[in-house]
Amino acid sequence: MQTQYIAPFIAAVHNNTNSIPVDFVSTHFYPTDPECQTASTKSDPDCFSHTILAAQKLAKAAKLPFFITEYSPPSIEAPPPPNHPWPSRHPRVP
């Protein structure tokens, strides 16, 4: 699940009336996900780490293990402009 859905997922688990057990929280994150595309976060070169750490904190508070199960750098077909913060973190593939 995307990181933006972790808080509602944990809230639903906490209020679970069906007694469905949850063993862990698993997420994936792409640089193009909405969390790092807002006016206040788009220019933050550490948005990725801030988002992952916040998600990890939610899982820890719920006493659930936290796993990042997938990661992908920006698309090679449509690389970001040279002055965008992604190039400093993700090398371009020729």
Protein backbone atom coordinates (compact mmCIF):
# COMPACT_ATOMS: atom_id res chain seq x y z
CA MET A 1 0.00 0.00 0.00
CA GLN A 2 1.16 3.55 -0.56
CA THR A 3 2.40 5.41 2.49
CA GLN A 4 -0.57 7.80 2.35
CA TYR A 5 -2.87 4.91 3.30
CA ILE A 6 -0.95 3.64 6.33
CA ALA A 7 -2.70 5.85 8.92
CA PRO A 8 -6.23 4.94 7.74
CA PHE A 9 -5.22 1.26 7.53
CA ILE A 10 -3.91 1.24 11.11
CA ALA A 11 -7.03 3.10 12.30
CA ALA A 12 -9.22 0.49 10.58
CA VAL A 13 -7.19 -2.32 12.14
CA HIS A 14 -7.46 -0.70 15.57
CA ASN A 15 -11.24 -0.41 15.18
CA ASN A 16 -11.51 -3.87 13.65
CA THR A 17 -14.75 -5.51 14.72
CA ASN A 18 -14.17 -8.58 12.55
CA SER A 19 -11.13 -9.81 14.53
CA ILE A 20 -8.99 -10.06 11.41
CA PRO A 21 -5.36 -10.32 12.58
CA VAL A 22 -2.75 -8.01 11.10
CA ASP A 23 0.87 -9.11 11.32
CA PHE A 24 2.75 -6.17 9.77
CA VAL A 25 2.57 -3.00 7.69
CA SER A 26 4.06 -3.14 4.21
CA THR A 27 4.47 -0.15 1.93
CA HIS A 28 6.13 1.02 -1.24
CA PHE A 29 7.06 4.51 -2.25
CA TYR A 30 7.82 6.19 -5.54
CA PRO A 31 9.24 9.71 -5.91
CA THR A 32 6.14 10.59 -7.94
CA ASP A 33 3.71 9.58 -5.18
CA PRO A 34 1.42 12.38 -3.96
CA GLU A 35 3.17 12.91 -0.63
CA CYS A 36 6.18 14.52 -2.35
CA GLN A 37 4.26 16.36 -5.04
CA THR A 38 2.51 19.05 -3.01
CA ALA A 39 3.53 22.71 -3.08
CA SER A 40 5.19 22.37 0.33
CA THR A 41 6.99 19.06 -0.29
CA LYS A 42 7.96 19.13 -3.97
CA SER A 43 11.14 21.09 -3.33
CA ASP A 44 12.13 19.09 -0.23
CA PRO A 45 15.04 16.83 -1.21
CA ASP A 46 14.41 14.79 1.95
CA CYS A 47 10.69 14.25 1.35
CA PHE A 48 11.26 10.55 0.65
CA SER A 49 13.03 9.93 3.96
CA HIS A 50 10.59 12.13 5.92
CA THR A 51 7.64 10.19 4.48
CA ILE A 52 9.14 6.77 5.18
CA LEU A 53 10.15 7.74 8.74
CA ALA A 54 6.64 9.07 9.45
CA ALA A 55 5.11 5.82 8.16
CA GLN A 56 7.53 3.78 10.24
CA LYS A 57 6.56 5.80 13.32
CA LEU A 58 2.86 5.02 12.73
CA ALA A 59 3.57 1.30 12.46
CA LYS A 60 5.75 1.34 15.55
CA ALA A 61 3.04 3.12 17.55
CA ALA A 62 0.63 0.37 16.49
CA LYS A 63 3.22 -2.25 17.55
CA LEU A 64 3.42 -3.62 14.00
CA PRO A 65 6.59 -4.46 12.06
CA PHE A 66 7.20 -2.11 9.12
CA PHE A 67 8.51 -3.24 5.73
CA ILE A 68 9.38 -1.33 2.58
CA THR A 69 8.63 -3.92 -0.07
CA GLU A 70 9.23 -2.00 -3.27
CA TYR A 71 11.12 1.06 -4.40
CA SER A 72 11.59 2.62 -7.79
CA PRO A 73 13.50 5.72 -8.87
CA PRO A 74 11.86 8.15 -11.29
CA SER A 75 11.04 6.82 -14.71
CA ILE A 76 14.00 6.57 -17.07
CA GLU A 77 11.70 7.43 -19.97
CA ALA A 78 10.74 10.74 -18.38
CA PRO A 79 13.64 11.91 -16.19
CA PRO A 80 13.17 14.97 -14.00
CA PRO A 81 14.69 18.28 -15.03
CA PRO A 82 18.35 18.83 -14.04
CA ASN A 83 17.51 21.29 -11.23
CA HIS A 84 15.01 18.91 -9.60
CA PRO A 85 16.08 17.30 -6.28
CA TRP A 86 15.71 13.74 -7.61
CA PRO A 87 18.86 13.69 -9.75
CA SER A 88 21.00 14.14 -6.65
CA ARG A 89 19.55 10.92 -5.22
CA HIS A 90 18.88 8.86 -8.35
CA PRO A 91 21.52 8.54 -11.06
CA ARG A 92 20.32 8.71 -14.62
CA VAL A 93 20.84 5.66 -16.74
CA PRO A 94 22.15 6.48 -20.23
